[in-house]
Amino acid sequence: MTTVTVKLPEELGLRLAVAAKRRQINKSEIIRQLLEQGLGATSQQPPVSCYDLAKDLCGSVKNAPRDLSTNKRHFEGFGQ
């Protein structure tokens, strides 16, 4: 793999860091993906789904009712 050094404006560097953290991949991978898109690569990866972004959160709440999203009883008084 070839190494390339790029200087970025401060704001763009921060946006890159935030995107990498949100997608849980490193900055180099984001840059590679964007270059492939911009240069018209033939083997494009599918876009990241909402599930892919949140799958590590599934089951992370302890002692929550199993029917929290479907049982109307849990929504009593919600939004008031």
C-alpha atoms as a PDB file:
ATOM      1  CA  MET A   1       0.000   0.000   0.000  1.00  0.00           C
ATOM      2  CA  THR A   2       1.301   3.478  -0.874  1.00  0.00           C
ATOM      3  CA  THR A   3       1.586   6.139   1.835  1.00  0.00           C
ATOM      4  CA  VAL A   4       0.475   9.686   1.020  1.00  0.00           C
ATOM      5  CA  THR A   5       0.755  12.685   3.338  1.00  0.00           C
ATOM      6  CA  VAL A   6      -1.934  15.352   3.054  1.00  0.00           C
ATOM      7  CA  LYS A   7      -2.263  18.664   4.894  1.00  0.00           C
ATOM      8  CA  LEU A   8      -5.833  19.597   5.786  1.00  0.00           C
ATOM      9  CA  PRO A   9      -7.328  22.827   7.114  1.00  0.00           C
ATOM     10  CA  GLU A  10      -8.127  22.559  10.839  1.00  0.00           C
ATOM     11  CA  GLU A  11     -11.914  22.453  10.310  1.00  0.00           C
ATOM     12  CA  LEU A  12     -11.713  19.728   7.664  1.00  0.00           C
ATOM     13  CA  GLY A  13      -9.441  17.674   9.904  1.00  0.00           C
ATOM     14  CA  LEU A  14     -11.966  17.934  12.739  1.00  0.00           C
ATOM     15  CA  ARG A  15     -14.822  16.923  10.428  1.00  0.00           C
ATOM     16  CA  LEU A  16     -12.785  13.929   9.291  1.00  0.00           C
ATOM     17  CA  ALA A  17     -12.092  12.890  12.890  1.00  0.00           C
ATOM     18  CA  VAL A  18     -15.789  13.164  13.815  1.00  0.00           C
ATOM     19  CA  ALA A  19     -16.845  11.128  10.769  1.00  0.00           C
ATOM     20  CA  ALA A  20     -14.280   8.436  11.580  1.00  0.00           C
ATOM     21  CA  LYS A  21     -15.452   8.184  15.175  1.00  0.00           C
ATOM     22  CA  ARG A  22     -19.116   8.079  14.145  1.00  0.00           C
ATOM     23  CA  ARG A  23     -18.499   5.331  11.563  1.00  0.00           C
ATOM     24  CA  GLN A  24     -16.046   3.527  13.856  1.00  0.00           C
ATOM     25  CA  ILE A  25     -13.367   3.322  11.178  1.00  0.00           C
ATOM     26  CA  ASN A  26     -10.037   5.082  10.900  1.00  0.00           C
ATOM     27  CA  LYS A  27      -9.490   8.315   8.988  1.00  0.00           C
ATOM     28  CA  SER A  28      -7.448   6.574   6.304  1.00  0.00           C
ATOM     29  CA  GLU A  29     -10.372   4.315   5.434  1.00  0.00           C
ATOM     30  CA  ILE A  30     -12.705   7.309   5.031  1.00  0.00           C
ATOM     31  CA  ILE A  31     -10.187   9.035   2.770  1.00  0.00           C
ATOM     32  CA  ARG A  32      -9.789   5.841   0.680  1.00  0.00           C
ATOM     33  CA  GLN A  33     -13.577   5.512   0.307  1.00  0.00           C
ATOM     34  CA  LEU A  34     -13.970   9.143  -0.733  1.00  0.00           C
ATOM     35  CA  LEU A  35     -11.126   8.882  -3.234  1.00  0.00           C
ATOM     36  CA  GLU A  36     -12.667   5.747  -4.743  1.00  0.00           C
ATOM     37  CA  GLN A  37     -16.022   7.527  -5.082  1.00  0.00           C
ATOM     38  CA  GLY A  38     -14.452  10.648  -6.516  1.00  0.00           C
ATOM     39  CA  LEU A  39     -12.262   8.777  -8.965  1.00  0.00           C
ATOM     40  CA  GLY A  40     -15.052   6.472 -10.111  1.00  0.00           C
ATOM     41  CA  ALA A  41     -13.771   3.157  -8.777  1.00  0.00           C
ATOM     42  CA  THR A  42     -15.496   0.083 -10.161  1.00  0.00           C
ATOM     43  CA  SER A  43     -15.731  -1.805  -6.863  1.00  0.00           C
ATOM     44  CA  GLN A  44     -17.796   0.408  -4.616  1.00  0.00           C
ATOM     45  CA  GLN A  45     -18.733  -0.709  -1.136  1.00  0.00           C
ATOM     46  CA  PRO A  46     -22.408  -0.505  -0.133  1.00  0.00           C
ATOM     47  CA  PRO A  47     -23.348   2.522   1.974  1.00  0.00           C
ATOM     48  CA  VAL A  48     -23.402   2.178   5.742  1.00  0.00           C
ATOM     49  CA  SER A  49     -26.913   1.460   7.042  1.00  0.00           C
ATOM     50  CA  CYS A  50     -28.519   2.800  10.221  1.00  0.00           C
ATOM     51  CA  TYR A  51     -28.300  -0.710  11.642  1.00  0.00           C
ATOM     52  CA  ASP A  52     -24.556  -0.860  10.933  1.00  0.00           C
ATOM     53  CA  LEU A  53     -24.080   2.411  12.799  1.00  0.00           C
ATOM     54  CA  ALA A  54     -26.161   1.396  15.835  1.00  0.00           C
ATOM     55  CA  LYS A  55     -25.721  -2.396  16.066  1.00  0.00           C
ATOM     56  CA  ASP A  56     -23.294  -2.093  18.982  1.00  0.00           C
ATOM     57  CA  LEU A  57     -26.057  -0.354  20.964  1.00  0.00           C
ATOM     58  CA  CYS A  58     -28.540  -3.228  20.643  1.00  0.00           C
ATOM     59  CA  GLY A  59     -28.963  -4.847  24.016  1.00  0.00           C
ATOM     60  CA  SER A  60     -26.787  -2.278  25.775  1.00  0.00           C
ATOM     61  CA  VAL A  61     -29.509  -1.051  28.166  1.00  0.00           C
ATOM     62  CA  LYS A  62     -29.608  -3.228  31.242  1.00  0.00           C
ATOM     63  CA  ASN A  63     -32.813  -3.998  33.163  1.00  0.00           C
ATOM     64  CA  ALA A  64     -35.043  -2.490  30.450  1.00  0.00           C
ATOM     65  CA  PRO A  65     -38.397  -4.111  29.689  1.00  0.00           C
ATOM     66  CA  ARG A  66     -38.305  -6.382  26.630  1.00  0.00           C
ATOM     67  CA  ASP A  67     -41.416  -4.774  25.135  1.00  0.00           C
ATOM     68  CA  LEU A  68     -40.350  -1.158  25.651  1.00  0.00           C
ATOM     69  CA  SER A  69     -40.997  -0.063  22.066  1.00  0.00           C
ATOM     70  CA  THR A  70     -44.344  -1.827  21.610  1.00  0.00           C
ATOM     71  CA  ASN A  71     -46.166  -1.725  24.924  1.00  0.00           C
ATOM     72  CA  LYS A  72     -48.346   1.408  25.155  1.00  0.00           C
ATOM     73  CA  ARG A  73     -48.134   1.274  28.953  1.00  0.00           C
ATOM     74  CA  HIS A  74     -44.500   2.501  28.750  1.00  0.00           C
ATOM     75  CA  PHE A  75     -45.624   5.618  26.857  1.00  0.00           C
ATOM     76  CA  GLU A  76     -48.170   6.867  29.417  1.00  0.00           C
ATOM     77  CA  GLY A  77     -47.490  10.571  30.032  1.00  0.00           C
ATOM     78  CA  PHE A  78     -44.849  10.748  27.316  1.00  0.00           C
ATOM     79  CA  GLY A  79     -44.497  14.264  25.862  1.00  0.00           C
ATOM     80  CA  GLN A  80     -46.542  15.973  28.569  1.00  0.00           C
END
